[in-house]
């Protein structure tokens, strides 16, 4: 059971990677490509992101805060780029306390919206990519909240 308010129906909400707040920003390459950010450890990304000065750990968090989410049941999607050099342990996304590991390791290089889960959400909703649990390269292009009928 997921309460809704007929006067405030759920609507699609989305944030892109530029709208996130980043801890350990020095480990995130955010301006190298226009549509996603990623944790990295190599100096080769410094040329395209002047805030990127990695400490070798590939750790940090990307935090997305949605304010005023209309109460309801939402399908949550987490976007990222799937490449061969992604974290072999998977990317850990936590949405309103619900944690799920997403496998982003794939040779395709595709930009993918992975289904995180269906959750009752409302008010302030926090979604984060938690790259502090290991030191692999994780990526994020955004977070989507899509109302379920």
N, C-alpha and C. Protein backbone atom coordinates (compact mmCIF):
# COMPACT_ATOMS: atom_id res chain seq x y z
N UNK A 1 0.85 -1.19 0.00
CA UNK A 1 0.00 0.00 0.00
C UNK A 1 0.88 1.24 0.00
N UNK A 2 0.56 2.13 -0.91
CA UNK A 2 1.36 3.33 -1.06
C UNK A 2 0.41 4.52 -1.17
N UNK A 3 0.34 5.36 -0.14
CA UNK A 3 -0.61 6.48 -0.17
C UNK A 3 -0.26 7.51 -1.23
N UNK A 4 -1.31 8.07 -1.84
CA UNK A 4 -1.15 9.16 -2.80
C UNK A 4 -2.10 10.29 -2.42
N UNK A 5 -1.87 11.45 -2.98
CA UNK A 5 -2.71 12.61 -2.76
C UNK A 5 -3.30 13.03 -4.10
N UNK A 6 -4.62 12.85 -4.31
CA UNK A 6 -5.22 13.20 -5.60
C UNK A 6 -4.98 14.66 -6.01
N UNK A 7 -4.78 15.53 -5.03
CA UNK A 7 -4.52 16.94 -5.34
C UNK A 7 -3.08 17.17 -5.78
N UNK A 8 -2.22 16.18 -5.51
CA UNK A 8 -0.81 16.29 -5.89
C UNK A 8 -0.36 14.93 -6.45
N UNK A 9 -0.76 14.61 -7.70
CA UNK A 9 -0.41 13.30 -8.25
C UNK A 9 1.10 13.18 -8.51
N UNK A 10 1.62 11.95 -8.40
CA UNK A 10 3.04 11.74 -8.69
C UNK A 10 3.37 12.10 -10.15
N UNK A 11 4.54 12.67 -10.35
CA UNK A 11 5.02 13.02 -11.68
C UNK A 11 6.46 12.53 -11.83
N UNK A 12 6.91 12.40 -13.07
CA UNK A 12 8.29 12.00 -13.34
C UNK A 12 9.23 13.08 -12.81
N UNK A 13 10.25 12.66 -12.11
CA UNK A 13 11.30 13.56 -11.62
C UNK A 13 12.64 12.99 -12.09
N UNK A 14 13.56 13.86 -12.46
CA UNK A 14 14.87 13.41 -12.92
C UNK A 14 15.94 14.44 -12.57
N UNK A 15 17.09 13.94 -12.20
CA UNK A 15 18.27 14.78 -11.99
C UNK A 15 19.42 14.19 -12.79
N UNK A 16 20.22 15.05 -13.43
CA UNK A 16 21.38 14.56 -14.16
C UNK A 16 22.63 14.65 -13.27
N UNK A 17 23.73 14.13 -13.76
CA UNK A 17 24.92 14.03 -12.91
C UNK A 17 25.48 15.38 -12.49
N UNK A 18 25.21 16.43 -13.24
CA UNK A 18 25.67 17.76 -12.83
C UNK A 18 24.88 18.32 -11.64
N UNK A 19 23.72 17.74 -11.35
CA UNK A 19 22.88 18.23 -10.26
C UNK A 19 23.16 17.53 -8.93
N UNK A 20 24.07 16.59 -8.94
CA UNK A 20 24.41 15.88 -7.71
C UNK A 20 25.40 16.67 -6.86
N UNK A 21 25.49 16.29 -5.59
CA UNK A 21 26.51 16.81 -4.68
C UNK A 21 27.52 15.68 -4.49
N UNK A 22 28.79 16.00 -4.57
CA UNK A 22 29.83 14.97 -4.57
C UNK A 22 30.75 15.11 -3.36
N UNK A 23 30.93 13.99 -2.64
CA UNK A 23 31.95 13.95 -1.61
C UNK A 23 33.23 13.47 -2.29
N UNK A 24 34.35 13.83 -1.75
CA UNK A 24 35.64 13.49 -2.34
C UNK A 24 35.65 13.83 -3.84
N UNK A 25 35.21 15.05 -4.12
CA UNK A 25 35.07 15.50 -5.51
C UNK A 25 36.33 15.27 -6.33
N UNK A 26 37.49 15.32 -5.69
CA UNK A 26 38.75 15.15 -6.41
C UNK A 26 38.88 13.78 -7.09
N UNK A 27 38.08 12.79 -6.68
CA UNK A 27 38.11 11.46 -7.30
C UNK A 27 37.08 11.29 -8.41
N UNK A 28 36.29 12.32 -8.69
CA UNK A 28 35.23 12.24 -9.70
C UNK A 28 35.61 13.04 -10.93
N UNK A 29 35.55 12.40 -12.10
CA UNK A 29 35.70 13.09 -13.37
C UNK A 29 34.29 13.43 -13.85
N UNK A 30 33.91 14.69 -13.77
CA UNK A 30 32.53 15.09 -14.07
C UNK A 30 32.38 15.90 -15.35
N UNK A 31 33.43 16.51 -15.81
CA UNK A 31 33.29 17.38 -16.98
C UNK A 31 34.01 16.84 -18.21
N UNK A 32 34.49 15.63 -18.15
CA UNK A 32 35.20 15.05 -19.29
C UNK A 32 34.27 14.65 -20.43
N UNK A 33 33.09 14.22 -20.08
CA UNK A 33 32.08 13.85 -21.07
C UNK A 33 30.81 14.57 -20.67
N UNK A 34 30.01 14.94 -21.63
CA UNK A 34 28.84 15.77 -21.34
C UNK A 34 27.72 15.11 -20.57
N UNK A 35 27.64 13.78 -20.58
CA UNK A 35 26.43 13.17 -20.04
C UNK A 35 26.62 12.18 -18.89
N UNK A 36 27.81 12.10 -18.30
CA UNK A 36 27.97 11.26 -17.12
C UNK A 36 29.27 11.59 -16.40
N UNK A 37 29.33 11.16 -15.13
CA UNK A 37 30.53 11.30 -14.34
C UNK A 37 30.94 9.94 -13.81
N UNK A 38 32.19 9.83 -13.37
CA UNK A 38 32.69 8.54 -12.92
C UNK A 38 33.84 8.74 -11.95
N UNK A 39 34.04 7.75 -11.08
CA UNK A 39 35.20 7.75 -10.21
C UNK A 39 36.36 7.15 -10.99
N UNK A 40 37.53 7.73 -10.78
CA UNK A 40 38.71 7.26 -11.51
C UNK A 40 39.95 7.47 -10.64
N UNK A 41 41.07 6.94 -11.11
CA UNK A 41 42.31 7.04 -10.34
C UNK A 41 43.47 7.58 -11.16
N UNK A 42 43.30 7.71 -12.48
CA UNK A 42 44.41 8.10 -13.33
C UNK A 42 44.48 9.58 -13.63
N UNK A 43 45.68 10.09 -13.76
CA UNK A 43 45.91 11.52 -14.03
C UNK A 43 45.45 11.94 -15.43
N UNK A 44 45.19 10.99 -16.31
CA UNK A 44 44.81 11.35 -17.69
C UNK A 44 43.51 12.13 -17.76
N UNK A 45 42.68 12.10 -16.72
CA UNK A 45 41.41 12.82 -16.73
C UNK A 45 41.56 14.27 -16.25
N UNK A 46 42.72 14.64 -15.74
CA UNK A 46 42.92 16.00 -15.23
C UNK A 46 42.82 17.05 -16.32
N UNK A 47 43.15 16.68 -17.55
CA UNK A 47 43.09 17.63 -18.66
C UNK A 47 41.67 18.10 -18.95
N UNK A 48 40.68 17.26 -18.66
CA UNK A 48 39.30 17.63 -19.00
C UNK A 48 38.46 18.01 -17.79
N UNK A 49 39.01 17.96 -16.58
CA UNK A 49 38.27 18.33 -15.37
C UNK A 49 39.24 18.95 -14.38
N UNK A 50 39.19 20.26 -14.24
CA UNK A 50 40.18 20.94 -13.40
C UNK A 50 39.96 20.76 -11.90
N UNK A 51 38.88 20.08 -11.49
CA UNK A 51 38.67 19.76 -10.07
C UNK A 51 39.06 18.32 -9.75
N UNK A 52 39.46 17.58 -10.76
CA UNK A 52 39.80 16.17 -10.59
C UNK A 52 41.30 16.03 -10.30
N UNK A 53 41.64 15.61 -9.08
CA UNK A 53 43.01 15.31 -8.68
C UNK A 53 42.95 14.06 -7.82
N UNK A 54 42.95 12.87 -8.44
CA UNK A 54 42.66 11.63 -7.72
C UNK A 54 43.70 11.28 -6.67
N UNK A 55 43.21 10.64 -5.61
CA UNK A 55 44.11 10.14 -4.57
C UNK A 55 44.37 8.64 -4.75
N UNK A 56 43.85 8.05 -5.84
CA UNK A 56 44.06 6.64 -6.14
C UNK A 56 43.01 5.71 -5.57
N UNK A 57 42.11 6.24 -4.73
CA UNK A 57 41.13 5.38 -4.06
C UNK A 57 39.85 5.16 -4.87
N UNK A 58 39.54 6.03 -5.82
CA UNK A 58 38.29 5.99 -6.59
C UNK A 58 37.05 6.04 -5.68
N UNK A 59 37.16 6.66 -4.51
CA UNK A 59 36.04 6.67 -3.58
C UNK A 59 35.38 8.03 -3.50
N UNK A 60 34.14 8.02 -3.05
CA UNK A 60 33.32 9.21 -2.87
C UNK A 60 31.86 8.86 -3.07
N UNK A 61 31.01 9.84 -2.85
CA UNK A 61 29.57 9.63 -3.06
C UNK A 61 29.02 10.70 -3.99
N UNK A 62 28.06 10.30 -4.81
CA UNK A 62 27.28 11.22 -5.63
C UNK A 62 25.87 11.22 -5.01
N UNK A 63 25.45 12.37 -4.48
CA UNK A 63 24.19 12.44 -3.72
C UNK A 63 23.20 13.33 -4.47
N UNK A 64 22.01 12.80 -4.71
CA UNK A 64 20.95 13.50 -5.42
C UNK A 64 19.77 13.65 -4.46
N UNK A 65 19.32 14.87 -4.25
CA UNK A 65 18.22 15.13 -3.32
C UNK A 65 17.04 15.73 -4.07
N UNK A 66 15.95 15.02 -4.08
CA UNK A 66 14.70 15.48 -4.69
C UNK A 66 13.83 16.05 -3.59
N UNK A 67 13.43 17.29 -3.71
CA UNK A 67 12.55 17.94 -2.73
C UNK A 67 11.12 17.93 -3.25
N UNK A 68 10.16 17.82 -2.36
CA UNK A 68 8.75 17.94 -2.72
C UNK A 68 8.23 16.86 -3.65
N UNK A 69 8.70 15.64 -3.46
CA UNK A 69 8.21 14.52 -4.29
C UNK A 69 6.79 14.18 -3.85
N UNK A 70 5.86 14.19 -4.80
CA UNK A 70 4.47 13.83 -4.49
C UNK A 70 4.42 12.38 -4.03
N UNK A 71 3.70 12.07 -2.95
CA UNK A 71 3.66 10.71 -2.44
C UNK A 71 3.09 9.74 -3.47
N UNK A 72 3.74 8.56 -3.54
CA UNK A 72 3.24 7.54 -4.46
C UNK A 72 4.26 6.44 -4.68
N UNK A 73 3.87 5.48 -5.50
CA UNK A 73 4.75 4.37 -5.87
C UNK A 73 5.52 4.76 -7.12
N UNK A 74 6.83 4.66 -7.05
CA UNK A 74 7.70 5.04 -8.16
C UNK A 74 8.62 3.89 -8.55
N UNK A 75 8.84 3.75 -9.86
CA UNK A 75 9.96 2.94 -10.35
C UNK A 75 11.16 3.87 -10.38
N UNK A 76 12.25 3.43 -9.77
CA UNK A 76 13.46 4.25 -9.72
C UNK A 76 14.49 3.66 -10.68
N UNK A 77 15.06 4.54 -11.50
CA UNK A 77 16.08 4.14 -12.46
C UNK A 77 17.35 4.93 -12.18
N UNK A 78 18.48 4.23 -12.25
CA UNK A 78 19.79 4.86 -12.06
C UNK A 78 20.54 4.73 -13.38
N UNK A 79 21.04 5.84 -13.87
CA UNK A 79 21.72 5.84 -15.15
C UNK A 79 23.22 5.88 -15.00
N UNK A 80 23.90 5.17 -15.89
CA UNK A 80 25.36 5.17 -15.90
C UNK A 80 25.88 4.61 -17.21
N UNK A 81 27.17 4.74 -17.39
CA UNK A 81 27.80 4.19 -18.59
C UNK A 81 28.43 2.85 -18.23
N UNK A 82 28.07 1.83 -19.00
CA UNK A 82 28.57 0.48 -18.78
C UNK A 82 29.79 0.26 -19.68
N UNK A 83 30.95 0.06 -19.06
CA UNK A 83 32.18 -0.15 -19.81
C UNK A 83 32.96 -1.32 -19.21
N UNK A 84 33.96 -1.77 -19.94
CA UNK A 84 34.77 -2.91 -19.49
C UNK A 84 35.58 -2.58 -18.23
N UNK A 85 35.93 -1.32 -18.03
CA UNK A 85 36.77 -0.98 -16.88
C UNK A 85 35.98 -0.57 -15.63
N UNK A 86 34.68 -0.80 -15.61
CA UNK A 86 33.88 -0.47 -14.43
C UNK A 86 34.18 -1.42 -13.28
N UNK A 87 33.74 -1.01 -12.13
CA UNK A 87 33.94 -1.71 -10.88
C UNK A 87 33.47 -3.18 -10.97
N UNK A 88 34.35 -4.13 -10.81
CA UNK A 88 33.92 -5.54 -10.88
C UNK A 88 32.97 -5.93 -9.74
N UNK A 89 32.98 -5.18 -8.64
CA UNK A 89 32.07 -5.46 -7.52
C UNK A 89 30.71 -4.81 -7.72
N UNK A 90 30.55 -4.00 -8.76
CA UNK A 90 29.28 -3.33 -9.03
C UNK A 90 29.21 -1.97 -8.35
N UNK A 91 28.28 -1.15 -8.82
CA UNK A 91 28.05 0.19 -8.28
C UNK A 91 26.91 0.11 -7.27
N UNK A 92 27.15 0.62 -6.06
CA UNK A 92 26.15 0.54 -4.99
C UNK A 92 25.33 1.83 -4.96
N UNK A 93 24.06 1.71 -5.33
CA UNK A 93 23.12 2.83 -5.28
C UNK A 93 22.18 2.63 -4.11
N UNK A 94 21.95 3.71 -3.35
CA UNK A 94 21.03 3.68 -2.21
C UNK A 94 19.97 4.74 -2.45
N UNK A 95 18.70 4.31 -2.52
CA UNK A 95 17.58 5.22 -2.75
C UNK A 95 16.66 5.14 -1.55
N UNK A 96 16.55 6.24 -0.83
CA UNK A 96 15.70 6.30 0.37
C UNK A 96 15.93 5.10 1.29
N UNK A 97 17.18 4.72 1.47
CA UNK A 97 17.53 3.62 2.36
C UNK A 97 17.54 2.25 1.71
N UNK A 98 17.10 2.14 0.47
CA UNK A 98 17.07 0.86 -0.24
C UNK A 98 18.35 0.74 -1.07
N UNK A 99 19.21 -0.21 -0.71
CA UNK A 99 20.48 -0.39 -1.40
C UNK A 99 20.38 -1.48 -2.46
N UNK A 100 21.03 -1.23 -3.59
CA UNK A 100 21.10 -2.23 -4.65
C UNK A 100 22.42 -2.04 -5.39
N UNK A 101 23.07 -3.16 -5.70
CA UNK A 101 24.31 -3.12 -6.47
C UNK A 101 23.97 -3.35 -7.94
N UNK A 102 24.44 -2.44 -8.78
CA UNK A 102 24.18 -2.50 -10.23
C UNK A 102 25.48 -2.86 -10.94
N UNK A 103 25.43 -3.89 -11.77
CA UNK A 103 26.59 -4.28 -12.56
C UNK A 103 26.73 -3.33 -13.75
N UNK A 104 27.79 -2.53 -13.76
CA UNK A 104 28.05 -1.60 -14.86
C UNK A 104 29.21 -2.07 -15.73
N UNK A 105 29.69 -3.27 -15.50
CA UNK A 105 30.84 -3.79 -16.25
C UNK A 105 30.34 -4.50 -17.51
N UNK A 106 30.62 -3.89 -18.66
CA UNK A 106 30.20 -4.46 -19.94
C UNK A 106 31.01 -3.79 -21.04
N UNK A 107 31.45 -4.53 -22.03
CA UNK A 107 32.30 -3.94 -23.07
C UNK A 107 31.57 -3.01 -24.05
N UNK A 108 30.27 -2.91 -23.96
CA UNK A 108 29.49 -2.14 -24.94
C UNK A 108 29.74 -0.63 -24.89
N UNK A 109 30.06 -0.10 -23.71
CA UNK A 109 30.17 1.35 -23.57
C UNK A 109 28.82 2.04 -23.60
N UNK A 110 27.75 1.28 -23.44
CA UNK A 110 26.39 1.81 -23.54
C UNK A 110 26.02 2.66 -22.33
N UNK A 111 25.18 3.66 -22.60
CA UNK A 111 24.56 4.45 -21.53
C UNK A 111 23.26 3.75 -21.19
N UNK A 112 23.10 3.34 -19.93
CA UNK A 112 22.00 2.47 -19.55
C UNK A 112 21.25 3.05 -18.35
N UNK A 113 19.91 2.96 -18.40
CA UNK A 113 19.06 3.28 -17.24
C UNK A 113 18.67 1.95 -16.62
N UNK A 114 19.31 1.60 -15.50
CA UNK A 114 19.03 0.35 -14.80
C UNK A 114 17.89 0.55 -13.80
N UNK A 115 17.01 -0.44 -13.72
CA UNK A 115 15.91 -0.40 -12.76
C UNK A 115 16.46 -0.71 -11.38
N UNK A 116 16.32 0.22 -10.47
CA UNK A 116 16.79 0.04 -9.09
C UNK A 116 15.74 -0.68 -8.26
N UNK A 117 14.46 -0.33 -8.46
CA UNK A 117 13.38 -0.95 -7.71
C UNK A 117 12.14 -0.08 -7.75
N UNK A 118 11.06 -0.59 -7.19
CA UNK A 118 9.80 0.14 -7.07
C UNK A 118 9.60 0.46 -5.60
N UNK A 119 9.50 1.75 -5.30
CA UNK A 119 9.47 2.18 -3.91
C UNK A 119 8.37 3.21 -3.66
N UNK A 120 7.79 3.15 -2.45
CA UNK A 120 6.89 4.20 -1.98
C UNK A 120 7.77 5.38 -1.59
N UNK A 121 7.55 6.50 -2.25
CA UNK A 121 8.37 7.68 -2.01
C UNK A 121 7.49 8.89 -1.80
N UNK A 122 8.04 9.90 -1.18
CA UNK A 122 7.33 11.16 -0.99
C UNK A 122 8.15 12.12 -0.16
N UNK A 123 7.92 13.41 -0.37
CA UNK A 123 8.66 14.42 0.39
C UNK A 123 10.06 14.58 -0.15
N UNK A 124 11.04 14.52 0.75
CA UNK A 124 12.45 14.60 0.35
C UNK A 124 12.96 13.19 0.10
N UNK A 125 13.45 12.96 -1.10
CA UNK A 125 13.97 11.65 -1.49
C UNK A 125 15.45 11.81 -1.82
N UNK A 126 16.26 10.97 -1.19
CA UNK A 126 17.70 11.00 -1.44
C UNK A 126 18.12 9.73 -2.16
N UNK A 127 18.88 9.92 -3.22
CA UNK A 127 19.47 8.80 -3.96
C UNK A 127 20.96 9.05 -4.05
N UNK A 128 21.75 8.02 -3.81
CA UNK A 128 23.19 8.22 -3.89
C UNK A 128 23.89 7.03 -4.53
N UNK A 129 24.96 7.35 -5.22
CA UNK A 129 25.90 6.33 -5.67
C UNK A 129 27.00 6.33 -4.62
N UNK A 130 27.09 5.24 -3.88
CA UNK A 130 28.06 5.13 -2.79
C UNK A 130 29.30 4.40 -3.28
N UNK A 131 30.29 5.17 -3.67
CA UNK A 131 31.55 4.60 -4.15
C UNK A 131 32.61 4.57 -3.05
N UNK A 132 32.16 4.44 -1.81
CA UNK A 132 33.10 4.38 -0.70
C UNK A 132 33.34 2.94 -0.23
N UNK A 133 32.55 1.99 -0.71
CA UNK A 133 32.63 0.62 -0.22
C UNK A 133 33.75 -0.19 -0.87
N UNK A 134 34.26 0.28 -1.99
CA UNK A 134 35.40 -0.38 -2.64
C UNK A 134 36.05 0.65 -3.57
N UNK A 135 37.08 0.27 -4.28
CA UNK A 135 37.79 1.26 -5.06
C UNK A 135 37.68 1.07 -6.57
N UNK A 136 36.58 0.52 -7.04
CA UNK A 136 36.40 0.38 -8.48
C UNK A 136 35.80 1.63 -9.09
N UNK A 137 35.82 1.71 -10.41
CA UNK A 137 35.27 2.86 -11.11
C UNK A 137 33.77 2.70 -11.31
N UNK A 138 32.99 3.61 -10.70
CA UNK A 138 31.54 3.63 -10.83
C UNK A 138 31.13 4.85 -11.65
N UNK A 139 29.97 4.77 -12.31
CA UNK A 139 29.53 5.92 -13.11
C UNK A 139 28.08 6.26 -12.82
N UNK A 140 27.74 7.54 -13.09
CA UNK A 140 26.37 8.00 -12.92
C UNK A 140 26.07 9.07 -13.97
N UNK A 141 24.92 8.92 -14.63
CA UNK A 141 24.47 9.99 -15.52
C UNK A 141 23.20 10.63 -14.98
N UNK A 142 22.53 9.97 -14.03
CA UNK A 142 21.36 10.58 -13.42
C UNK A 142 20.50 9.58 -12.67
N UNK A 143 19.45 10.13 -12.09
CA UNK A 143 18.46 9.35 -11.33
C UNK A 143 17.08 9.75 -11.84
N UNK A 144 16.22 8.77 -12.08
CA UNK A 144 14.83 9.01 -12.51
C UNK A 144 13.85 8.38 -11.54
N UNK A 145 12.81 9.14 -11.21
CA UNK A 145 11.68 8.63 -10.43
C UNK A 145 10.48 8.65 -11.37
N UNK A 146 9.92 7.48 -11.65
CA UNK A 146 8.82 7.36 -12.62
C UNK A 146 7.60 6.78 -11.89
N UNK A 147 6.50 7.53 -11.81
CA UNK A 147 5.31 7.01 -11.13
C UNK A 147 4.81 5.71 -11.77
N UNK A 148 4.38 4.79 -10.93
CA UNK A 148 3.76 3.56 -11.43
C UNK A 148 2.24 3.75 -11.39
N UNK A 149 1.58 3.26 -12.41
CA UNK A 149 0.10 3.42 -12.43
C UNK A 149 -0.58 2.62 -11.33
